[in-house]
Amino acid sequence: MSRLRRQSIPILLLSAALAGTCFALPPQADQSPKQDMKDAGQSTKDAAKDTGQATKKAAKKTGHVAKTDSKKAANKTAQKTKQGAQKVEDKTQPN
């Protein structure tokens, strides 16, 4: 064989391999509309679960804050009431 033919055989094989991959069927990338709807439904379901968990956490935290703030307010009110009663008692004491 001539030298030119020996060099062109690998190039010819490589070209044939590349051309074959170009015409091969592409992988199934397109989904059917039915599968798209299923995926959308699942995404919506997951989002609703996440929202529910966040709402639950926020409500729990808000409830805790409200409870502690109410206790603080009640204690402060009782303290001020006690101080007011002490002032009245001091004013009404005969000297």
C-alpha atoms as a PDB file:
ATOM      1  CA  MET A   1       0.000   0.000   0.000  1.00  0.00           C
ATOM      2  CA  SER A   2       1.128   3.412  -0.606  1.00  0.00           C
ATOM      3  CA  ARG A   3       2.018   5.724   2.210  1.00  0.00           C
ATOM      4  CA  LEU A   4      -0.953   8.011   1.496  1.00  0.00           C
ATOM      5  CA  ARG A   5      -3.419   5.139   1.835  1.00  0.00           C
ATOM      6  CA  ARG A   6      -1.951   4.045   5.178  1.00  0.00           C
ATOM      7  CA  GLN A   7      -2.360   7.537   6.605  1.00  0.00           C
ATOM      8  CA  SER A   8      -5.851   8.003   5.280  1.00  0.00           C
ATOM      9  CA  ILE A   9      -7.273   4.735   6.735  1.00  0.00           C
ATOM     10  CA  PRO A  10      -7.301   5.965  10.386  1.00  0.00           C
ATOM     11  CA  ILE A  11      -8.742   9.298   9.283  1.00  0.00           C
ATOM     12  CA  LEU A  12     -11.415   7.505   7.264  1.00  0.00           C
ATOM     13  CA  LEU A  13     -12.328   5.254  10.227  1.00  0.00           C
ATOM     14  CA  LEU A  14     -12.459   8.195  12.611  1.00  0.00           C
ATOM     15  CA  SER A  15     -14.657  10.155  10.199  1.00  0.00           C
ATOM     16  CA  ALA A  16     -17.021   7.187   9.826  1.00  0.00           C
ATOM     17  CA  ALA A  17     -17.262   6.795  13.617  1.00  0.00           C
ATOM     18  CA  LEU A  18     -18.028  10.478  14.109  1.00  0.00           C
ATOM     19  CA  ALA A  19     -20.573  10.489  11.312  1.00  0.00           C
ATOM     20  CA  GLY A  20     -22.278   7.433  12.812  1.00  0.00           C
ATOM     21  CA  THR A  21     -22.726   9.145  16.166  1.00  0.00           C
ATOM     22  CA  CYS A  22     -24.271  12.179  14.486  1.00  0.00           C
ATOM     23  CA  PHE A  23     -27.037  10.081  12.959  1.00  0.00           C
ATOM     24  CA  ALA A  24     -27.689   7.953  16.004  1.00  0.00           C
ATOM     25  CA  LEU A  25     -30.959   8.505  17.790  1.00  0.00           C
ATOM     26  CA  PRO A  26     -30.646  11.092  20.561  1.00  0.00           C
ATOM     27  CA  PRO A  27     -31.450   9.961  24.092  1.00  0.00           C
ATOM     28  CA  GLN A  28     -35.079  10.340  25.165  1.00  0.00           C
ATOM     29  CA  ALA A  29     -34.858  13.916  26.436  1.00  0.00           C
ATOM     30  CA  ASP A  30     -38.384  14.979  25.532  1.00  0.00           C
ATOM     31  CA  GLN A  31     -41.033  14.053  28.055  1.00  0.00           C
ATOM     32  CA  SER A  32     -44.626  13.442  27.278  1.00  0.00           C
ATOM     33  CA  PRO A  33     -47.185  16.022  28.394  1.00  0.00           C
ATOM     34  CA  LYS A  34     -48.554  13.452  30.836  1.00  0.00           C
ATOM     35  CA  GLN A  35     -45.156  13.083  32.505  1.00  0.00           C
ATOM     36  CA  ASP A  36     -44.769  16.875  32.593  1.00  0.00           C
ATOM     37  CA  MET A  37     -48.082  17.133  34.451  1.00  0.00           C
ATOM     38  CA  LYS A  38     -46.990  14.449  36.914  1.00  0.00           C
ATOM     39  CA  ASP A  39     -43.730  16.287  37.552  1.00  0.00           C
ATOM     40  CA  ALA A  40     -45.549  19.593  38.015  1.00  0.00           C
ATOM     41  CA  GLY A  41     -47.968  17.960  40.451  1.00  0.00           C
ATOM     42  CA  GLN A  42     -45.114  16.462  42.453  1.00  0.00           C
ATOM     43  CA  SER A  43     -43.311  19.807  42.555  1.00  0.00           C
ATOM     44  CA  THR A  44     -46.479  21.510  43.774  1.00  0.00           C
ATOM     45  CA  LYS A  45     -46.936  18.854  46.441  1.00  0.00           C
ATOM     46  CA  ASP A  46     -43.354  19.277  47.650  1.00  0.00           C
ATOM     47  CA  ALA A  47     -43.714  23.062  47.727  1.00  0.00           C
ATOM     48  CA  ALA A  48     -46.920  22.775  49.759  1.00  0.00           C
ATOM     49  CA  LYS A  49     -45.182  20.478  52.249  1.00  0.00           C
ATOM     50  CA  ASP A  50     -42.288  22.913  52.616  1.00  0.00           C
ATOM     51  CA  THR A  51     -44.680  25.832  53.090  1.00  0.00           C
ATOM     52  CA  GLY A  52     -46.633  23.882  55.695  1.00  0.00           C
ATOM     53  CA  GLN A  53     -43.494  23.063  57.647  1.00  0.00           C
ATOM     54  CA  ALA A  54     -42.354  26.694  57.549  1.00  0.00           C
ATOM     55  CA  THR A  55     -45.787  27.885  58.690  1.00  0.00           C
ATOM     56  CA  LYS A  56     -45.799  25.366  61.535  1.00  0.00           C
ATOM     57  CA  LYS A  57     -42.346  26.466  62.653  1.00  0.00           C
ATOM     58  CA  ALA A  58     -43.271  30.170  62.483  1.00  0.00           C
ATOM     59  CA  ALA A  59     -46.511  29.613  64.404  1.00  0.00           C
ATOM     60  CA  LYS A  60     -44.696  27.671  67.093  1.00  0.00           C
ATOM     61  CA  LYS A  61     -42.080  30.393  67.431  1.00  0.00           C
ATOM     62  CA  THR A  62     -44.735  33.138  67.503  1.00  0.00           C
ATOM     63  CA  GLY A  63     -46.684  31.239  70.149  1.00  0.00           C
ATOM     64  CA  HIS A  64     -43.586  30.897  72.293  1.00  0.00           C
ATOM     65  CA  VAL A  65     -42.779  34.600  71.985  1.00  0.00           C
ATOM     66  CA  ALA A  66     -46.366  35.559  72.786  1.00  0.00           C
ATOM     67  CA  LYS A  67     -46.361  33.320  75.864  1.00  0.00           C
ATOM     68  CA  THR A  68     -43.101  34.725  77.232  1.00  0.00           C
ATOM     69  CA  ASP A  69     -44.100  38.315  76.460  1.00  0.00           C
ATOM     70  CA  SER A  70     -47.448  37.790  78.185  1.00  0.00           C
ATOM     71  CA  LYS A  71     -45.691  36.458  81.273  1.00  0.00           C
ATOM     72  CA  LYS A  72     -43.324  39.425  81.300  1.00  0.00           C
ATOM     73  CA  ALA A  73     -46.222  41.849  80.944  1.00  0.00           C
ATOM     74  CA  ALA A  74     -48.188  40.149  83.722  1.00  0.00           C
ATOM     75  CA  ASN A  75     -45.210  40.216  86.066  1.00  0.00           C
ATOM     76  CA  LYS A  76     -44.476  43.854  85.318  1.00  0.00           C
ATOM     77  CA  THR A  77     -48.152  44.760  85.832  1.00  0.00           C
ATOM     78  CA  ALA A  78     -48.188  42.954  89.169  1.00  0.00           C
ATOM     79  CA  GLN A  79     -44.998  44.736  90.215  1.00  0.00           C
ATOM     80  CA  LYS A  80     -46.393  48.164  89.292  1.00  0.00           C
ATOM     81  CA  THR A  81     -49.679  47.359  91.042  1.00  0.00           C
ATOM     82  CA  LYS A  82     -47.742  46.438  94.162  1.00  0.00           C
ATOM     83  CA  GLN A  83     -45.777  49.702  93.951  1.00  0.00           C
ATOM     84  CA  GLY A  84     -48.998  51.703  93.516  1.00  0.00           C
ATOM     85  CA  ALA A  85     -50.592  49.958  96.488  1.00  0.00           C
ATOM     86  CA  GLN A  86     -47.507  50.723  98.575  1.00  0.00           C
ATOM     87  CA  LYS A  87     -47.742  54.421  97.664  1.00  0.00           C
ATOM     88  CA  VAL A  88     -51.417  54.523  98.633  1.00  0.00           C
ATOM     89  CA  GLU A  89     -50.644  52.777 101.898  1.00  0.00           C
ATOM     90  CA  ASP A  90     -47.837  55.229 102.647  1.00  0.00           C
ATOM     91  CA  LYS A  91     -50.127  58.211 102.003  1.00  0.00           C
ATOM     92  CA  THR A  92     -52.934  56.879 104.162  1.00  0.00           C
ATOM     93  CA  GLN A  93     -50.741  56.046 107.173  1.00  0.00           C
ATOM     94  CA  PRO A  94     -51.263  58.425 110.063  1.00  0.00           C
ATOM     95  CA  ASN A  95     -48.050  60.179 110.999  1.00  0.00           C
END
